[in-house]
Amino acid sequence: MRRSVVGLAAFVAAALFVSAGLSQPPGPKGKKGGPPGQEKGPPGKKGPPRFELGKLFPPHVRDELQLTPDQAKQLAELEQDVRARLEKILSADQKKQIEEMGPPPKKGPPPDRPDGPEPPVWD
């Protein structure tokens, strides 16, 4: 009798593991993060899009704001004005420095260490 109960318990546990594994949606192969087809930036590059002089909102903020066409037009005009003013204010060296800048360094232990956090995923 005891053998039957242990066997039944093992079968139920195995069935639960299999059903939990099958109920997960498949993820994109080799990539972490948002839905497929929503990658930003050039293919093969990770991280947020590069900073552009005069841009007021990053792409993900623009997407979430769901701007009307009129708002998008006004924002584009404002960004042109800001870009033109920054071109006058900044020196050539400062503009070059901005073009070469990457995202800020990640904080914390390296992700390959067991006690380190998962690296952030940039959409």
PDB file of N, CA and C in Angstrom:
ATOM      1  N   MET A   1       0.830  -1.195   0.000  1.00  0.00           N
ATOM      2  CA  MET A   1       0.000   0.000   0.000  1.00  0.00           C
ATOM      3  C   MET A   1       0.872   1.256   0.000  1.00  0.00           C
ATOM      4  N   ARG A   2       1.893   1.244   0.869  1.00  0.00           N
ATOM      5  CA  ARG A   2       2.784   2.396   0.968  1.00  0.00           C
ATOM      6  C   ARG A   2       3.499   2.634  -0.358  1.00  0.00           C
ATOM      7  N   ARG A   3       3.861   1.563  -1.027  1.00  0.00           N
ATOM      8  CA  ARG A   3       4.533   1.676  -2.315  1.00  0.00           C
ATOM      9  C   ARG A   3       3.622   2.344  -3.352  1.00  0.00           C
ATOM     10  N   SER A   4       2.366   2.023  -3.322  1.00  0.00           N
ATOM     11  CA  SER A   4       1.402   2.608  -4.256  1.00  0.00           C
ATOM     12  C   SER A   4       1.243   4.098  -4.024  1.00  0.00           C
ATOM     13  N   VAL A   5       1.196   4.504  -2.771  1.00  0.00           N
ATOM     14  CA  VAL A   5       1.045   5.923  -2.434  1.00  0.00           C
ATOM     15  C   VAL A   5       2.282   6.703  -2.880  1.00  0.00           C
ATOM     16  N   VAL A   6       3.479   6.167  -2.632  1.00  0.00           N
ATOM     17  CA  VAL A   6       4.723   6.834  -3.035  1.00  0.00           C
ATOM     18  C   VAL A   6       4.786   6.919  -4.561  1.00  0.00           C
ATOM     19  N   GLY A   7       4.416   5.865  -5.237  1.00  0.00           N
ATOM     20  CA  GLY A   7       4.410   5.866  -6.700  1.00  0.00           C
ATOM     21  C   GLY A   7       3.418   6.875  -7.268  1.00  0.00           C
ATOM     22  N   LEU A   8       2.238   6.937  -6.660  1.00  0.00           N
ATOM     23  CA  LEU A   8       1.228   7.887  -7.099  1.00  0.00           C
ATOM     24  C   LEU A   8       1.693   9.321  -6.858  1.00  0.00           C
ATOM     25  N   ALA A   9       2.302   9.574  -5.703  1.00  0.00           N
ATOM     26  CA  ALA A   9       2.810  10.914  -5.390  1.00  0.00           C
ATOM     27  C   ALA A   9       3.898  11.320  -6.385  1.00  0.00           C
ATOM     28  N   ALA A  10       4.783  10.397  -6.736  1.00  0.00           N
ATOM     29  CA  ALA A  10       5.838  10.690  -7.700  1.00  0.00           C
ATOM     30  C   ALA A  10       5.230  10.991  -9.072  1.00  0.00           C
ATOM     31  N   PHE A  11       4.219  10.237  -9.467  1.00  0.00           N
ATOM     32  CA  PHE A  11       3.563  10.467 -10.750  1.00  0.00           C
ATOM     33  C   PHE A  11       2.890  11.843 -10.795  1.00  0.00           C
ATOM     34  N   VAL A  12       2.203  12.205  -9.703  1.00  0.00           N
ATOM     35  CA  VAL A  12       1.522  13.506  -9.642  1.00  0.00           C
ATOM     36  C   VAL A  12       2.548  14.639  -9.696  1.00  0.00           C
ATOM     37  N   ALA A  13       3.652  14.487  -8.959  1.00  0.00           N
ATOM     38  CA  ALA A  13       4.689  15.521  -8.969  1.00  0.00           C
ATOM     39  C   ALA A  13       5.276  15.679 -10.372  1.00  0.00           C
ATOM     40  N   ALA A  14       5.558  14.569 -11.049  1.00  0.00           N
ATOM     41  CA  ALA A  14       6.104  14.636 -12.405  1.00  0.00           C
ATOM     42  C   ALA A  14       5.108  15.293 -13.354  1.00  0.00           C
ATOM     43  N   ALA A  15       3.827  14.973 -13.207  1.00  0.00           N
ATOM     44  CA  ALA A  15       2.801  15.563 -14.059  1.00  0.00           C
ATOM     45  C   ALA A  15       2.711  17.070 -13.843  1.00  0.00           C
ATOM     46  N   LEU A  16       2.843  17.511 -12.592  1.00  0.00           N
ATOM     47  CA  LEU A  16       2.803  18.950 -12.307  1.00  0.00           C
ATOM     48  C   LEU A  16       3.994  19.667 -12.938  1.00  0.00           C
ATOM     49  N   PHE A  17       5.190  19.085 -12.845  1.00  0.00           N
ATOM     50  CA  PHE A  17       6.378  19.704 -13.444  1.00  0.00           C
ATOM     51  C   PHE A  17       6.234  19.808 -14.956  1.00  0.00           C
ATOM     52  N   VAL A  18       5.756  18.758 -15.572  1.00  0.00           N
ATOM     53  CA  VAL A  18       5.593  18.761 -17.028  1.00  0.00           C
ATOM     54  C   VAL A  18       4.549  19.786 -17.446  1.00  0.00           C
ATOM     55  N   SER A  19       3.402  19.834 -16.751  1.00  0.00           N
ATOM     56  CA  SER A  19       2.355  20.784 -17.131  1.00  0.00           C
ATOM     57  C   SER A  19       2.805  22.223 -16.905  1.00  0.00           C
ATOM     58  N   ALA A  20       3.580  22.476 -15.837  1.00  0.00           N
ATOM     59  CA  ALA A  20       4.083  23.832 -15.595  1.00  0.00           C
ATOM     60  C   ALA A  20       5.062  24.239 -16.702  1.00  0.00           C
ATOM     61  N   GLY A  21       5.897  23.332 -17.125  1.00  0.00           N
ATOM     62  CA  GLY A  21       6.851  23.638 -18.187  1.00  0.00           C
ATOM     63  C   GLY A  21       6.183  23.873 -19.520  1.00  0.00           C
ATOM     64  N   LEU A  22       5.141  23.120 -19.812  1.00  0.00           N
ATOM     65  CA  LEU A  22       4.452  23.269 -21.089  1.00  0.00           C
ATOM     66  C   LEU A  22       3.557  24.503 -21.128  1.00  0.00           C
ATOM     67  N   SER A  23       3.164  25.021 -19.973  1.00  0.00           N
ATOM     68  CA  SER A  23       2.270  26.174 -19.952  1.00  0.00           C
ATOM     69  C   SER A  23       3.014  27.494 -20.152  1.00  0.00           C
ATOM     70  N   GLN A  24       4.349  27.472 -20.150  1.00  0.00           N
ATOM     71  CA  GLN A  24       5.127  28.693 -20.345  1.00  0.00           C
ATOM     72  C   GLN A  24       5.200  29.022 -21.831  1.00  0.00           C
ATOM     73  N   PRO A  25       5.017  30.315 -22.179  1.00  0.00           N
ATOM     74  CA  PRO A  25       5.136  30.686 -23.594  1.00  0.00           C
ATOM     75  C   PRO A  25       6.599  30.614 -24.020  1.00  0.00           C
ATOM     76  N   PRO A  26       6.846  30.244 -25.268  1.00  0.00           N
ATOM     77  CA  PRO A  26       8.232  30.183 -25.726  1.00  0.00           C
ATOM     78  C   PRO A  26       8.799  31.585 -25.835  1.00  0.00           C
ATOM     79  N   GLY A  27      10.038  31.750 -25.428  1.00  0.00           N
ATOM     80  CA  GLY A  27      10.712  33.035 -25.525  1.00  0.00           C
ATOM     81  C   GLY A  27      11.544  33.091 -26.784  1.00  0.00           C
ATOM     82  N   PRO A  28      11.975  34.306 -27.163  1.00  0.00           N
ATOM     83  CA  PRO A  28      12.847  34.405 -28.326  1.00  0.00           C
ATOM     84  C   PRO A  28      14.179  33.732 -28.041  1.00  0.00           C
ATOM     85  N   LYS A  29      14.724  33.060 -29.034  1.00  0.00           N
ATOM     86  CA  LYS A  29      15.956  32.310 -28.830  1.00  0.00           C
ATOM     87  C   LYS A  29      17.142  33.245 -28.698  1.00  0.00           C
ATOM     88  N   GLY A  30      17.866  33.074 -27.599  1.00  0.00           N
ATOM     89  CA  GLY A  30      19.106  33.814 -27.401  1.00  0.00           C
ATOM     90  C   GLY A  30      18.915  35.267 -27.004  1.00  0.00           C
ATOM     91  N   LYS A  31      17.700  35.703 -26.758  1.00  0.00           N
ATOM     92  CA  LYS A  31      17.466  37.097 -26.396  1.00  0.00           C
ATOM     93  C   LYS A  31      16.608  37.157 -25.157  1.00  0.00           C
ATOM     94  N   LYS A  32      16.831  38.191 -24.380  1.00  0.00           N
ATOM     95  CA  LYS A  32      15.993  38.435 -23.214  1.00  0.00           C
ATOM     96  C   LYS A  32      15.250  39.730 -23.455  1.00  0.00           C
ATOM     97  N   GLY A  33      14.140  39.900 -22.789  1.00  0.00           N
ATOM     98  CA  GLY A  33      13.469  41.180 -22.861  1.00  0.00           C
ATOM     99  C   GLY A  33      12.148  41.116 -23.587  1.00  0.00           C
ATOM    100  N   GLY A  34      11.708  42.271 -24.041  1.00  0.00           N
ATOM    101  CA  GLY A  34      10.390  42.494 -24.602  1.00  0.00           C
ATOM    102  C   GLY A  34      10.003  41.586 -25.747  1.00  0.00           C
ATOM    103  N   PRO A  35       8.854  41.876 -26.318  1.00  0.00           N
ATOM    104  CA  PRO A  35       8.330  41.031 -27.379  1.00  0.00           C
ATOM    105  C   PRO A  35       9.215  41.058 -28.617  1.00  0.00           C
ATOM    106  N   PRO A  36       9.221  39.968 -29.385  1.00  0.00           N
ATOM    107  CA  PRO A  36      10.034  39.933 -30.585  1.00  0.00           C
ATOM    108  C   PRO A  36       9.598  41.023 -31.562  1.00  0.00           C
ATOM    109  N   GLY A  37      10.556  41.538 -32.301  1.00  0.00           N
ATOM    110  CA  GLY A  37      10.259  42.571 -33.276  1.00  0.00           C
ATOM    111  C   GLY A  37      10.257  43.965 -32.693  1.00  0.00           C
ATOM    112  N   GLN A  38      10.458  44.100 -31.392  1.00  0.00           N
ATOM    113  CA  GLN A  38      10.454  45.403 -30.752  1.00  0.00           C
ATOM    114  C   GLN A  38      11.852  45.851 -30.363  1.00  0.00           C
ATOM    115  N   GLU A  39      12.871  45.224 -30.931  1.00  0.00           N
ATOM    116  CA  GLU A  39      14.239  45.584 -30.596  1.00  0.00           C
ATOM    117  C   GLU A  39      14.530  46.976 -31.128  1.00  0.00           C
ATOM    118  N   LYS A  40      15.290  47.740 -30.376  1.00  0.00           N
ATOM    119  CA  LYS A  40      15.650  49.090 -30.771  1.00  0.00           C
ATOM    120  C   LYS A  40      17.122  49.116 -31.166  1.00  0.00           C
ATOM    121  N   GLY A  41      17.460  50.007 -32.039  1.00  0.00           N
ATOM    122  CA  GLY A  41      18.852  50.184 -32.418  1.00  0.00           C
ATOM    123  C   GLY A  41      19.271  49.200 -33.489  1.00  0.00           C
ATOM    124  N   PRO A  42      20.535  49.294 -33.890  1.00  0.00           N
ATOM    125  CA  PRO A  42      21.035  48.417 -34.947  1.00  0.00           C
ATOM    126  C   PRO A  42      21.054  46.965 -34.510  1.00  0.00           C
ATOM    127  N   PRO A  43      20.860  46.011 -35.445  1.00  0.00           N
ATOM    128  CA  PRO A  43      20.884  44.605 -35.066  1.00  0.00           C
ATOM    129  C   PRO A  43      22.253  44.217 -34.523  1.00  0.00           C
ATOM    130  N   GLY A  44      22.233  43.369 -33.508  1.00  0.00           N
ATOM    131  CA  GLY A  44      23.485  42.899 -32.922  1.00  0.00           C
ATOM    132  C   GLY A  44      24.008  43.782 -31.810  1.00  0.00           C
ATOM    133  N   LYS A  45      23.444  44.959 -31.619  1.00  0.00           N
ATOM    134  CA  LYS A  45      23.896  45.847 -30.546  1.00  0.00           C
ATOM    135  C   LYS A  45      22.920  45.765 -29.400  1.00  0.00           C
ATOM    136  N   LYS A  46      23.469  45.749 -28.195  1.00  0.00           N
ATOM    137  CA  LYS A  46      22.624  45.709 -27.006  1.00  0.00           C
ATOM    138  C   LYS A  46      22.671  47.071 -26.339  1.00  0.00           C
ATOM    139  N   GLY A  47      21.680  47.327 -25.509  1.00  0.00           N
ATOM    140  CA  GLY A  47      21.665  48.553 -24.751  1.00  0.00           C
ATOM    141  C   GLY A  47      20.679  49.554 -25.325  1.00  0.00           C
ATOM    142  N   PRO A  48      20.548  50.680 -24.634  1.00  0.00           N
ATOM    143  CA  PRO A  48      19.601  51.692 -25.074  1.00  0.00           C
ATOM    144  C   PRO A  48      20.098  52.384 -26.338  1.00  0.00           C
ATOM    145  N   PRO A  49      19.196  53.041 -27.053  1.00  0.00           N
ATOM    146  CA  PRO A  49      19.633  53.780 -28.230  1.00  0.00           C
ATOM    147  C   PRO A  49      20.580  54.905 -27.826  1.00  0.00           C
ATOM    148  N   ARG A  50      21.453  55.281 -28.724  1.00  0.00           N
ATOM    149  CA  ARG A  50      22.425  56.338 -28.438  1.00  0.00           C
ATOM    150  C   ARG A  50      21.713  57.659 -28.196  1.00  0.00           C
ATOM    151  N   PHE A  51      22.353  58.498 -27.393  1.00  0.00           N
ATOM    152  CA  PHE A  51      21.829  59.830 -27.107  1.00  0.00           C
ATOM    153  C   PHE A  51      21.951  60.688 -28.364  1.00  0.00           C
ATOM    154  N   GLU A  52      20.916  61.422 -28.655  1.00  0.00           N
ATOM    155  CA  GLU A  52      20.947  62.346 -29.777  1.00  0.00           C
ATOM    156  C   GLU A  52      20.763  63.753 -29.244  1.00  0.00           C
ATOM    157  N   LEU A  53      21.616  64.648 -29.685  1.00  0.00           N
ATOM    158  CA  LEU A  53      21.583  66.033 -29.241  1.00  0.00           C
ATOM    159  C   LEU A  53      20.221  66.647 -29.546  1.00  0.00           C
ATOM    160  N   GLY A  54      19.563  67.188 -28.535  1.00  0.00           N
ATOM    161  CA  GLY A  54      18.281  67.847 -28.715  1.00  0.00           C
ATOM    162  C   GLY A  54      17.068  66.965 -28.487  1.00  0.00           C
ATOM    163  N   LYS A  55      17.245  65.655 -28.387  1.00  0.00           N
ATOM    164  CA  LYS A  55      16.102  64.772 -28.147  1.00  0.00           C
ATOM    165  C   LYS A  55      15.620  64.977 -26.713  1.00  0.00           C
ATOM    166  N   LEU A  56      14.327  65.164 -26.565  1.00  0.00           N
ATOM    167  CA  LEU A  56      13.777  65.426 -25.239  1.00  0.00           C
ATOM    168  C   LEU A  56      13.281  64.168 -24.540  1.00  0.00           C
ATOM    169  N   PHE A  57      12.778  63.195 -25.307  1.00  0.00           N
ATOM    170  CA  PHE A  57      12.279  61.955 -24.733  1.00  0.00           C
ATOM    171  C   PHE A  57      12.940  60.769 -25.424  1.00  0.00           C
ATOM    172  N   PRO A  58      13.314  59.737 -24.650  1.00  0.00           N
ATOM    173  CA  PRO A  58      13.795  58.509 -25.301  1.00  0.00           C
ATOM    174  C   PRO A  58      12.630  57.825 -26.027  1.00  0.00           C
ATOM    175  N   PRO A  59      12.946  56.951 -26.997  1.00  0.00           N
ATOM    176  CA  PRO A  59      11.893  56.318 -27.800  1.00  0.00           C
ATOM    177  C   PRO A  59      10.820  55.606 -26.982  1.00  0.00           C
ATOM    178  N   HIS A  60      11.218  54.912 -25.906  1.00  0.00           N
ATOM    179  CA  HIS A  60      10.201  54.172 -25.147  1.00  0.00           C
ATOM    180  C   HIS A  60       9.208  55.117 -24.462  1.00  0.00           C
ATOM    181  N   VAL A  61       9.660  56.314 -24.086  1.00  0.00           N
ATOM    182  CA  VAL A  61       8.747  57.280 -23.465  1.00  0.00           C
ATOM    183  C   VAL A  61       7.776  57.814 -24.517  1.00  0.00           C
ATOM    184  N   ARG A  62       8.302  58.123 -25.698  1.00  0.00           N
ATOM    185  CA  ARG A  62       7.425  58.588 -26.791  1.00  0.00           C
ATOM    186  C   ARG A  62       6.342  57.554 -27.085  1.00  0.00           C
ATOM    187  N   ASP A  63       6.749  56.277 -27.149  1.00  0.00           N
ATOM    188  CA  ASP A  63       5.782  55.218 -27.455  1.00  0.00           C
ATOM    189  C   ASP A  63       4.688  55.136 -26.393  1.00  0.00           C
ATOM    190  N   GLU A  64       5.085  55.247 -25.138  1.00  0.00           N
ATOM    191  CA  GLU A  64       4.096  55.112 -24.063  1.00  0.00           C
ATOM    192  C   GLU A  64       3.183  56.327 -23.949  1.00  0.00           C
ATOM    193  N   LEU A  65       3.674  57.493 -24.357  1.00  0.00           N
ATOM    194  CA  LEU A  65       2.846  58.696 -24.278  1.00  0.00           C
ATOM    195  C   LEU A  65       1.741  58.704 -25.330  1.00  0.00           C
ATOM    196  N   GLN A  66       1.906  57.940 -26.382  1.00  0.00           N
ATOM    197  CA  GLN A  66       0.920  57.883 -27.466  1.00  0.00           C
ATOM    198  C   GLN A  66       0.532  59.291 -27.916  1.00  0.00           C
ATOM    199  N   LEU A  67       1.528  60.038 -28.374  1.00  0.00           N
ATOM    200  CA  LEU A  67       1.320  61.418 -28.798  1.00  0.00           C
ATOM    201  C   LEU A  67       0.403  61.487 -30.015  1.00  0.00           C
ATOM    202  N   THR A  68      -0.413  62.528 -30.051  1.00  0.00           N
ATOM    203  CA  THR A  68      -1.232  62.770 -31.235  1.00  0.00           C
ATOM    204  C   THR A  68      -0.310  63.281 -32.340  1.00  0.00           C
ATOM    205  N   PRO A  69      -0.749  63.233 -33.588  1.00  0.00           N
ATOM    206  CA  PRO A  69       0.101  63.767 -34.664  1.00  0.00           C
ATOM    207  C   PRO A  69       0.481  65.228 -34.439  1.00  0.00           C
ATOM    208  N   ASP A  70      -0.451  66.023 -33.918  1.00  0.00           N
ATOM    209  CA  ASP A  70      -0.146  67.429 -33.646  1.00  0.00           C
ATOM    210  C   ASP A  70       0.912  67.558 -32.547  1.00  0.00           C
ATOM    211  N   GLN A  71       0.784  66.757 -31.490  1.00  0.00           N
ATOM    212  CA  GLN A  71       1.786  66.789 -30.420  1.00  0.00           C
ATOM    213  C   GLN A  71       3.154  66.349 -30.939  1.00  0.00           C
ATOM    214  N   ALA A  72       3.181  65.312 -31.763  1.00  0.00           N
ATOM    215  CA  ALA A  72       4.445  64.829 -32.314  1.00  0.00           C
ATOM    216  C   ALA A  72       5.102  65.910 -33.164  1.00  0.00           C
ATOM    217  N   LYS A  73       4.294  66.640 -33.936  1.00  0.00           N
ATOM    218  CA  LYS A  73       4.819  67.723 -34.770  1.00  0.00           C
ATOM    219  C   LYS A  73       5.399  68.832 -33.894  1.00  0.00           C
ATOM    220  N   GLN A  74       4.660  69.227 -32.849  1.00  0.00           N
ATOM    221  CA  GLN A  74       5.135  70.272 -31.948  1.00  0.00           C
ATOM    222  C   GLN A  74       6.415  69.841 -31.231  1.00  0.00           C
ATOM    223  N   LEU A  75       6.474  68.585 -30.828  1.00  0.00           N
ATOM    224  CA  LEU A  75       7.665  68.069 -30.159  1.00  0.00           C
ATOM    225  C   LEU A  75       8.856  68.083 -31.108  1.00  0.00           C
ATOM    226  N   ALA A  76       8.642  67.710 -32.363  1.00  0.00           N
ATOM    227  CA  ALA A  76       9.724  67.719 -33.347  1.00  0.00           C
ATOM    228  C   ALA A  76      10.247  69.138 -33.562  1.00  0.00           C
ATOM    229  N   GLU A  77       9.341  70.118 -33.617  1.00  0.00           N
ATOM    230  CA  GLU A  77       9.759  71.510 -33.774  1.00  0.00           C
ATOM    231  C   GLU A  77      10.553  71.984 -32.565  1.00  0.00           C
ATOM    232  N   LEU A  78      10.093  71.634 -31.371  1.00  0.00           N
ATOM    233  CA  LEU A  78      10.800  72.008 -30.145  1.00  0.00           C
ATOM    234  C   LEU A  78      12.194  71.379 -30.110  1.00  0.00           C
ATOM    235  N   GLU A  79      12.284  70.111 -30.517  1.00  0.00           N
ATOM    236  CA  GLU A  79      13.584  69.440 -30.538  1.00  0.00           C
ATOM    237  C   GLU A  79      14.531  70.094 -31.538  1.00  0.00           C
ATOM    238  N   GLN A  80      14.005  70.554 -32.678  1.00  0.00           N
ATOM    239  CA  GLN A  80      14.847  71.261 -33.650  1.00  0.00           C
ATOM    240  C   GLN A  80      15.404  72.542 -33.037  1.00  0.00           C
ATOM    241  N   ASP A  81      14.549  73.278 -32.325  1.00  0.00           N
ATOM    242  CA  ASP A  81      14.999  74.507 -31.677  1.00  0.00           C
ATOM    243  C   ASP A  81      16.068  74.223 -30.631  1.00  0.00           C
ATOM    244  N   VAL A  82      15.821  73.205 -29.809  1.00  0.00           N
ATOM    245  CA  VAL A  82      16.783  72.844 -28.751  1.00  0.00           C
ATOM    246  C   VAL A  82      18.107  72.415 -29.375  1.00  0.00           C
ATOM    247  N   ARG A  83      18.034  71.592 -30.425  1.00  0.00           N
ATOM    248  CA  ARG A  83      19.252  71.119 -31.098  1.00  0.00           C
ATOM    249  C   ARG A  83      20.050  72.301 -31.656  1.00  0.00           C
ATOM    250  N   ALA A  84      19.358  73.251 -32.297  1.00  0.00           N
ATOM    251  CA  ALA A  84      20.028  74.418 -32.871  1.00  0.00           C
ATOM    252  C   ALA A  84      20.696  75.260 -31.780  1.00  0.00           C
ATOM    253  N   ARG A  85      20.015  75.424 -30.666  1.00  0.00           N
ATOM    254  CA  ARG A  85      20.592  76.214 -29.565  1.00  0.00           C
ATOM    255  C   ARG A  85      21.791  75.497 -28.948  1.00  0.00           C
ATOM    256  N   LEU A  86      21.688  74.172 -28.781  1.00  0.00           N
ATOM    257  CA  LEU A  86      22.812  73.420 -28.224  1.00  0.00           C
ATOM    258  C   LEU A  86      24.017  73.446 -29.168  1.00  0.00           C
ATOM    259  N   GLU A  87      23.767  73.425 -30.468  1.00  0.00           N
ATOM    260  CA  GLU A  87      24.857  73.502 -31.444  1.00  0.00           C
ATOM    261  C   GLU A  87      25.643  74.797 -31.259  1.00  0.00           C
ATOM    262  N   LYS A  88      24.951  75.878 -30.911  1.00  0.00           N
ATOM    263  CA  LYS A  88      25.615  77.168 -30.695  1.00  0.00           C
ATOM    264  C   LYS A  88      26.336  77.220 -29.346  1.00  0.00           C
ATOM    265  N   ILE A  89      25.762  76.581 -28.336  1.00  0.00           N
ATOM    266  CA  ILE A  89      26.311  76.656 -26.972  1.00  0.00           C
ATOM    267  C   ILE A  89      27.539  75.766 -26.802  1.00  0.00           C
ATOM    268  N   LEU A  90      27.489  74.531 -27.292  1.00  0.00           N
ATOM    269  CA  LEU A  90      28.550  73.554 -27.040  1.00  0.00           C
ATOM    270  C   LEU A  90      29.726  73.745 -27.992  1.00  0.00           C
ATOM    271  N   SER A  91      30.917  73.445 -27.475  1.00  0.00           N
ATOM    272  CA  SER A  91      32.121  73.500 -28.314  1.00  0.00           C
ATOM    273  C   SER A  91      32.169  72.253 -29.205  1.00  0.00           C
ATOM    274  N   ALA A  92      33.042  72.269 -30.195  1.00  0.00           N
ATOM    275  CA  ALA A  92      33.194  71.123 -31.096  1.00  0.00           C
ATOM    276  C   ALA A  92      33.632  69.889 -30.312  1.00  0.00           C
ATOM    277  N   ASP A  93      34.537  70.079 -29.328  1.00  0.00           N
ATOM    278  CA  ASP A  93      34.996  68.947 -28.513  1.00  0.00           C
ATOM    279  C   ASP A  93      33.852  68.354 -27.690  1.00  0.00           C
ATOM    280  N   GLN A  94      33.009  69.214 -27.145  1.00  0.00           N
ATOM    281  CA  GLN A  94      31.878  68.728 -26.352  1.00  0.00           C
ATOM    282  C   GLN A  94      30.877  67.972 -27.221  1.00  0.00           C
ATOM    283  N   LYS A  95      30.635  68.447 -28.429  1.00  0.00           N
ATOM    284  CA  LYS A  95      29.727  67.748 -29.340  1.00  0.00           C
ATOM    285  C   LYS A  95      30.291  66.384 -29.717  1.00  0.00           C
ATOM    286  N   LYS A  96      31.603  66.338 -29.956  1.00  0.00           N
ATOM    287  CA  LYS A  96      32.246  65.065 -30.288  1.00  0.00           C
ATOM    288  C   LYS A  96      32.157  64.100 -29.102  1.00  0.00           C
ATOM    289  N   GLN A  97      32.343  64.620 -27.904  1.00  0.00           N
ATOM    290  CA  GLN A  97      32.265  63.812 -26.686  1.00  0.00           C
ATOM    291  C   GLN A  97      30.862  63.205 -26.538  1.00  0.00           C
ATOM    292  N   ILE A  98      29.834  63.987 -26.827  1.00  0.00           N
ATOM    293  CA  ILE A  98      28.462  63.484 -26.742  1.00  0.00           C
ATOM    294  C   ILE A  98      28.238  62.374 -27.758  1.00  0.00           C
ATOM    295  N   GLU A  99      28.765  62.534 -28.976  1.00  0.00           N
ATOM    296  CA  GLU A  99      28.601  61.512 -30.016  1.00  0.00           C
ATOM    297  C   GLU A  99      29.251  60.193 -29.623  1.00  0.00           C
ATOM    298  N   GLU A 100      30.348  60.263 -28.878  1.00  0.00           N
ATOM    299  CA  GLU A 100      31.090  59.055 -28.512  1.00  0.00           C
ATOM    300  C   GLU A 100      30.603  58.406 -27.225  1.00  0.00           C
ATOM    301  N   MET A 101      29.733  59.096 -26.497  1.00  0.00           N
ATOM    302  CA  MET A 101      29.252  58.559 -25.219  1.00  0.00           C
ATOM    303  C   MET A 101      28.391  57.326 -25.423  1.00  0.00           C
ATOM    304  N   GLY A 102      28.543  56.392 -24.507  1.00  0.00           N
ATOM    305  CA  GLY A 102      27.684  55.222 -24.470  1.00  0.00           C
ATOM    306  C   GLY A 102      26.787  55.300 -23.253  1.00  0.00           C
ATOM    307  N   PRO A 103      26.057  54.233 -22.960  1.00  0.00           N
ATOM    308  CA  PRO A 103      25.216  54.236 -21.763  1.00  0.00           C
ATOM    309  C   PRO A 103      26.074  54.242 -20.505  1.00  0.00           C
ATOM    310  N   PRO A 104      25.513  54.665 -19.377  1.00  0.00           N
ATOM    311  CA  PRO A 104      26.286  54.673 -18.136  1.00  0.00           C
ATOM    312  C   PRO A 104      26.675  53.250 -17.741  1.00  0.00           C
ATOM    313  N   PRO A 105      27.793  53.108 -17.006  1.00  0.00           N
ATOM    314  CA  PRO A 105      28.217  51.756 -16.601  1.00  0.00           C
ATOM    315  C   PRO A 105      27.194  51.126 -15.667  1.00  0.00           C
ATOM    316  N   LYS A 106      27.104  49.813 -15.757  1.00  0.00           N
ATOM    317  CA  LYS A 106      26.190  49.069 -14.893  1.00  0.00           C
ATOM    318  C   LYS A 106      26.801  48.966 -13.504  1.00  0.00           C
ATOM    319  N   LYS A 107      25.942  48.995 -12.499  1.00  0.00           N
ATOM    320  CA  LYS A 107      26.413  48.919 -11.121  1.00  0.00           C
ATOM    321  C   LYS A 107      26.221  47.507 -10.591  1.00  0.00           C
ATOM    322  N   GLY A 108      27.004  47.160  -9.583  1.00  0.00           N
ATOM    323  CA  GLY A 108      26.866  45.855  -8.954  1.00  0.00           C
ATOM    324  C   GLY A 108      27.886  44.871  -9.482  1.00  0.00           C
ATOM    325  N   PRO A 109      27.883  43.674  -8.914  1.00  0.00           N
ATOM    326  CA  PRO A 109      28.843  42.657  -9.349  1.00  0.00           C
ATOM    327  C   PRO A 109      28.549  42.198 -10.767  1.00  0.00           C
ATOM    328  N   PRO A 110      29.538  41.650 -11.452  1.00  0.00           N
ATOM    329  CA  PRO A 110      29.310  41.168 -12.810  1.00  0.00           C
ATOM    330  C   PRO A 110      28.194  40.126 -12.847  1.00  0.00           C
ATOM    331  N   PRO A 111      27.417  40.087 -13.949  1.00  0.00           N
ATOM    332  CA  PRO A 111      26.281  39.170 -14.007  1.00  0.00           C
ATOM    333  C   PRO A 111      26.669  37.701 -14.006  1.00  0.00           C
ATOM    334  N   ASP A 112      27.940  37.367 -14.308  1.00  0.00           N
ATOM    335  CA  ASP A 112      28.312  35.954 -14.326  1.00  0.00           C
ATOM    336  C   ASP A 112      28.606  35.422 -12.932  1.00  0.00           C
ATOM    337  N   ARG A 113      28.664  36.318 -11.944  1.00  0.00           N
ATOM    338  CA  ARG A 113      28.851  35.860 -10.569  1.00  0.00           C
ATOM    339  C   ARG A 113      27.519  35.374 -10.022  1.00  0.00           C
ATOM    340  N   PRO A 114      27.521  34.276  -9.253  1.00  0.00           N
ATOM    341  CA  PRO A 114      26.254  33.745  -8.738  1.00  0.00           C
ATOM    342  C   PRO A 114      25.516  34.715  -7.825  1.00  0.00           C
ATOM    343  N   ASP A 115      26.253  35.582  -7.114  1.00  0.00           N
ATOM    344  CA  ASP A 115      25.576  36.492  -6.191  1.00  0.00           C
ATOM    345  C   ASP A 115      25.208  37.813  -6.854  1.00  0.00           C
ATOM    346  N   GLY A 116      25.512  37.954  -8.138  1.00  0.00           N
ATOM    347  CA  GLY A 116      25.228  39.207  -8.844  1.00  0.00           C
ATOM    348  C   GLY A 116      23.819  39.231  -9.400  1.00  0.00           C
ATOM    349  N   PRO A 117      23.271  40.448  -9.530  1.00  0.00           N
ATOM    350  CA  PRO A 117      21.923  40.561 -10.096  1.00  0.00           C
ATOM    351  C   PRO A 117      21.948  40.321 -11.590  1.00  0.00           C
ATOM    352  N   GLU A 118      20.787  40.037 -12.139  1.00  0.00           N
ATOM    353  CA  GLU A 118      20.668  39.902 -13.579  1.00  0.00           C
ATOM    354  C   GLU A 118      20.924  41.267 -14.198  1.00  0.00           C
ATOM    355  N   PRO A 119      21.595  41.317 -15.326  1.00  0.00           N
ATOM    356  CA  PRO A 119      21.813  42.625 -15.951  1.00  0.00           C
ATOM    357  C   PRO A 119      20.488  43.193 -16.435  1.00  0.00           C
ATOM    358  N   PRO A 120      20.361  44.527 -16.441  1.00  0.00           N
ATOM    359  CA  PRO A 120      19.111  45.108 -16.912  1.00  0.00           C
ATOM    360  C   PRO A 120      18.914  44.825 -18.392  1.00  0.00           C
ATOM    361  N   VAL A 121      17.670  44.735 -18.803  1.00  0.00           N
ATOM    362  CA  VAL A 121      17.344  44.495 -20.200  1.00  0.00           C
ATOM    363  C   VAL A 121      16.831  45.809 -20.760  1.00  0.00           C
ATOM    364  N   TRP A 122      17.474  46.312 -21.784  1.00  0.00           N
ATOM    365  CA  TRP A 122      17.078  47.568 -22.406  1.00  0.00           C
ATOM    366  C   TRP A 122      16.172  47.284 -23.572  1.00  0.00           C
ATOM    367  N   ASP A 123      15.003  47.918 -23.557  1.00  0.00           N
ATOM    368  CA  ASP A 123      14.061  47.706 -24.658  1.00  0.00           C
ATOM    369  C   ASP A 123      14.301  48.670 -25.754  1.00  0.00           C
TER     370      ASP A 123
END
